[in-house]
Protein backbone atom coordinates (compact mmCIF):
# COMPACT_ATOMS: atom_id res chain seq x y z
CA MET A 1 -15.26 -2.88 -7.12
CA GLU A 2 -14.13 -2.09 -10.65
CA GLY A 3 -11.33 0.51 -10.56
CA MET A 4 -11.50 0.83 -6.76
CA GLU A 5 -9.16 -0.38 -4.02
CA ARG A 6 -10.43 -1.95 -0.80
CA ALA A 7 -9.57 1.05 1.35
CA GLU A 8 -9.88 -0.81 4.67
CA ASN A 9 -6.37 -2.18 4.01
CA PHE A 10 -4.90 1.34 3.95
CA VAL A 11 -5.07 2.85 7.42
CA PHE A 12 -3.61 6.23 6.37
CA PHE A 13 -6.40 6.93 3.88
CA ASP A 14 -9.86 7.95 5.05
CA TYR A 15 -13.07 7.75 3.08
CA SER A 16 -13.89 11.16 1.55
CA PRO A 17 -17.51 12.18 0.81
CA LEU A 18 -16.88 11.76 -2.93
CA TYR A 19 -15.42 8.28 -2.36
CA ARG A 20 -18.51 7.37 -0.32
CA GLN A 21 -20.80 8.59 -3.08
CA MET A 22 -18.90 6.51 -5.63
CA ALA A 23 -18.90 3.46 -3.37
CA ILE A 24 -22.67 3.57 -2.82
CA LEU A 25 -23.44 4.19 -6.48
CA GLN A 26 -21.07 1.41 -7.48
CA ALA A 27 -22.71 -0.98 -5.02
CA LEU A 28 -26.16 -0.12 -6.39
CA PHE A 29 -24.81 -0.65 -9.90
CA GLU A 30 -23.73 -4.13 -8.80
CA GLY A 31 -27.24 -4.85 -7.48
CA ILE A 32 -26.43 -4.44 -3.78
CA THR A 33 -29.40 -2.90 -1.95
CA LYS A 34 -29.07 -3.86 1.72
CA HIS A 35 -28.23 -0.85 3.88
CA SER A 36 -25.71 -2.84 5.93
CA GLU A 37 -23.79 -3.84 2.79
CA LEU A 38 -23.96 -0.34 1.32
CA ALA A 39 -22.63 1.05 4.61
CA LEU A 40 -19.75 -1.45 4.57
CA LYS A 41 -18.81 -0.50 1.02
CA ALA A 42 -18.83 3.21 1.84
CA GLY A 43 -17.17 2.97 5.26
CA ILE A 44 -20.08 4.58 7.10
CA VAL A 45 -22.68 3.53 9.65
CA PRO A 46 -25.96 2.17 8.19
CA SER A 47 -27.94 5.14 9.54
CA LEU A 48 -26.04 7.48 7.18
CA VAL A 49 -26.89 5.43 4.10
CA ASN A 50 -30.43 6.84 4.05
CA LYS A 51 -29.05 10.38 3.93
CA TYR A 52 -26.98 9.60 0.84
CA LEU A 53 -29.84 7.75 -0.85
CA LYS A 54 -32.31 10.58 -0.26
CA ASN A 55 -29.85 13.10 -1.73
CA PHE A 56 -29.27 10.82 -4.71
CA GLU A 57 -33.02 10.54 -5.23
CA LYS A 58 -33.44 14.33 -5.14
CA GLU A 59 -30.70 14.67 -7.77
CA GLY A 60 -32.33 12.03 -9.95
CA LEU A 61 -29.44 9.62 -9.63
CA VAL A 62 -31.47 6.76 -8.11
CA ARG A 63 -35.11 5.68 -8.02
CA LYS A 64 -37.02 3.61 -5.51
CA THR A 65 -38.14 0.14 -6.48
CA LYS A 66 -39.86 -2.72 -4.63
CA LYS A 67 -36.43 -4.18 -3.91
CA GLY A 68 -34.85 -0.92 -2.77
CA TYR A 69 -33.02 1.55 -4.99
CA GLU A 70 -31.60 1.36 -8.49
CA LEU A 71 -29.47 3.71 -10.58
CA THR A 72 -31.03 5.95 -13.18
CA SER A 73 -29.24 6.78 -16.42
CA GLU A 74 -28.12 10.02 -14.73
CA GLY A 75 -26.80 7.96 -11.84
CA ILE A 76 -24.68 5.83 -14.17
CA VAL A 77 -23.25 8.99 -15.76
CA ARG A 78 -22.39 10.40 -12.30
CA LEU A 79 -20.80 7.10 -11.31
CA ASN A 80 -18.62 7.13 -14.41
CA TYR A 81 -17.49 10.71 -13.68
CA LEU A 82 -16.62 9.72 -10.11
CA ARG A 83 -14.74 6.64 -11.31
CA LEU A 84 -12.72 8.73 -13.76
CA GLY A 85 -11.92 11.33 -11.10
CA TYR A 86 -10.85 8.62 -8.68
CA LEU A 87 -8.52 6.98 -11.21
CA SER A 88 -7.10 10.38 -12.16
CA GLU A 89 -6.23 11.13 -8.53
CA ILE A 90 -4.72 7.66 -8.08
CA SER A 91 -2.50 8.39 -11.10
CA GLN A 92 -1.39 11.74 -9.63
CA MET A 93 -0.69 10.14 -6.26
CA TYR A 94 1.36 7.40 -7.93
CA LYS A 95 3.55 10.01 -9.67
CA SER A 96 4.08 11.79 -6.34
CA ILE A 97 5.03 8.53 -4.62
CA GLU A 98 7.46 7.68 -7.41
CA LEU A 99 9.33 10.93 -6.71
CA LYS A 100 9.48 10.25 -2.97
CA PHE A 101 11.08 6.85 -3.57
CA GLN A 102 13.18 7.81 -6.58
CA ASP A 103 16.45 7.89 -4.60
CA ILE A 104 16.02 4.31 -3.38
CA PHE A 105 15.61 2.83 -6.82
CA LEU A 106 18.41 4.93 -8.30
CA LYS A 107 20.80 3.65 -5.62
CA ILE A 108 19.98 0.01 -6.31
CA THR A 109 19.92 0.27 -10.10
CA GLY A 110 21.54 -2.89 -11.47
CA LYS A 111 21.25 -4.66 -8.10
CA LYS A 112 18.63 -7.32 -8.60
CA ASP A 113 18.92 -9.57 -5.55
CA LEU A 114 18.55 -7.74 -2.26
CA CYS A 115 18.76 -8.81 1.38
CA VAL A 116 16.97 -6.91 4.16
CA TYR A 117 18.55 -6.94 7.63
CA GLY A 118 15.69 -6.65 10.11
CA ALA A 119 12.49 -8.66 9.81
CA GLY A 120 10.33 -6.23 11.77
CA VAL A 121 7.76 -3.69 10.65
CA VAL A 122 10.31 -1.52 8.79
CA GLY A 123 11.78 -4.54 7.02
CA LYS A 124 8.40 -5.81 5.91
CA MET A 125 7.41 -2.39 4.52
CA LEU A 126 10.73 -2.02 2.68
CA ALA A 127 10.32 -5.47 1.15
CA GLN A 128 6.81 -4.58 -0.01
CA LEU A 129 8.08 -1.32 -1.51
CA ILE A 130 10.97 -3.02 -3.31
CA SER A 131 8.73 -5.79 -4.63
CA THR A 132 6.71 -3.23 -6.60
CA ARG A 133 9.57 -3.24 -9.10
CA GLN A 134 10.09 -6.37 -11.17
CA THR A 135 13.75 -5.37 -11.55
CA HIS A 136 14.43 -6.14 -7.87
CA ASN A 137 13.96 -9.19 -5.70
CA VAL A 138 14.26 -9.56 -1.91
CA VAL A 139 15.89 -12.97 -1.50
CA ALA A 140 16.04 -13.08 2.31
CA PHE A 141 15.68 -11.32 5.62
CA LEU A 142 18.44 -11.45 8.21
CA ASP A 143 17.46 -11.18 11.87
CA GLU A 144 18.81 -11.89 15.35
CA ASP A 145 15.43 -12.64 16.91
CA GLU A 146 15.17 -16.40 17.34
CA LYS A 147 11.37 -16.15 17.29
CA LYS A 148 11.48 -14.78 13.74
CA VAL A 149 14.28 -16.94 12.36
CA GLY A 150 12.92 -19.85 10.34
CA SER A 151 9.67 -18.08 9.51
CA ARG A 152 8.65 -16.43 6.26
CA ILE A 153 7.42 -12.90 5.62
CA GLU A 154 5.54 -12.42 2.35
CA GLY A 155 7.09 -15.73 1.32
CA ILE A 156 10.63 -14.48 2.01
CA PRO A 157 12.71 -16.62 4.43
CA VAL A 158 14.02 -15.11 7.66
CA MET A 159 17.57 -16.32 8.33
CA PRO A 160 19.95 -15.89 11.29
CA LEU A 161 22.55 -13.14 11.03
CA ASP A 162 25.37 -15.69 10.82
CA THR A 163 23.93 -17.06 7.56
CA ARG A 164 25.94 -16.08 4.50
CA VAL A 165 23.35 -14.67 2.11
CA GLN A 166 24.43 -13.94 -1.44
CA ALA A 167 22.89 -10.70 -2.67
CA ASP A 168 23.79 -7.63 -4.70
CA ALA A 169 23.00 -5.23 -1.83
CA TYR A 170 22.06 -5.36 1.85
CA ILE A 171 19.57 -2.90 3.31
CA VAL A 172 19.37 -2.24 7.05
CA ALA A 173 15.70 -1.98 8.05
CA SER A 174 15.92 0.16 11.17
CA PHE A 175 15.87 3.85 12.02
CA LYS A 176 16.87 3.51 15.67
CA ASN A 177 19.76 1.02 15.36
CA ALA A 178 20.80 1.64 11.76
CA GLU A 179 24.47 2.47 12.43
CA SER A 180 25.19 -0.45 14.75
CA MET A 181 23.38 -2.90 12.46
CA ALA A 182 25.26 -1.65 9.41
CA LYS A 183 28.53 -2.11 11.29
CA LYS A 184 27.64 -5.72 12.09
CA LEU A 185 27.12 -6.45 8.40
CA LEU A 186 30.36 -4.74 7.41
CA ASP A 187 32.27 -6.59 10.15
CA LYS A 188 30.95 -9.87 8.72
CA GLY A 189 32.39 -8.99 5.33
CA TYR A 190 29.25 -7.83 3.57
CA ARG A 191 29.58 -5.04 1.04
CA ASN A 192 27.08 -2.72 -0.62
CA VAL A 193 25.42 -2.11 2.74
CA TYR A 194 22.81 0.65 2.95
CA THR A 195 20.75 2.26 5.68
CA VAL A 196 17.48 4.11 5.16
CA GLU A 197 16.66 7.63 6.28
CA PHE A 198 14.27 10.45 5.46
CA SER A 199 15.38 13.69 3.85
CA LYS A 200 12.38 15.97 4.33
CA ASP A 201 9.59 13.73 3.07
CA ARG A 202 11.67 11.52 0.78
CA LEU A 203 13.08 8.15 1.69
CA LYS A 204 16.77 7.72 0.89
CA LEU A 205 19.36 4.97 0.94
CA VAL A 206 22.73 5.83 2.47
CA TRP A 207 25.71 3.73 1.40
CA LYS A 208 27.84 2.49 4.32
CA GLY A 209 30.41 0.38 2.56
């Protein structure tokens, strides 16, 4: 949908009533009339679609046709208001997220090529976060799990810990074993080693050597 993310990929965000209204109106705008498809777009069960459509009809936002429902001019205006409100909130959320991750990007300013030690869930999420900035590039993962070594995550190779990876900084992707993993990197001669931790609700990098 124009200006809308596919929310099913984001498990921490639920569909709000306003989002559902926008999703149904947007689907109708695109010519989608089947209840099953409207329900999928809005993240609701098909039986609830009728409730939304009846309310829209009462408000003059949609009208019945032989093929189902279509938007009225008032419906298009409402859709545009909802779109604008959605994009405005996305912008506010983006600014808030930028503040929460500000420390990370300040610590790695000038460090373009990065290596992540730990190719698990934390490592993958850190790599995705870092890749949002064109000024940084994750060149490799290091890991001790033989099942992961030789694979690729988001196109990034997973290499054994004994591999000498050239990078500007090395980030330990673990909360539980951060100290011991950082020590292993330092013992192998790596420098600019960082661990990650939370300070209140902000993610921080801690320099280890």
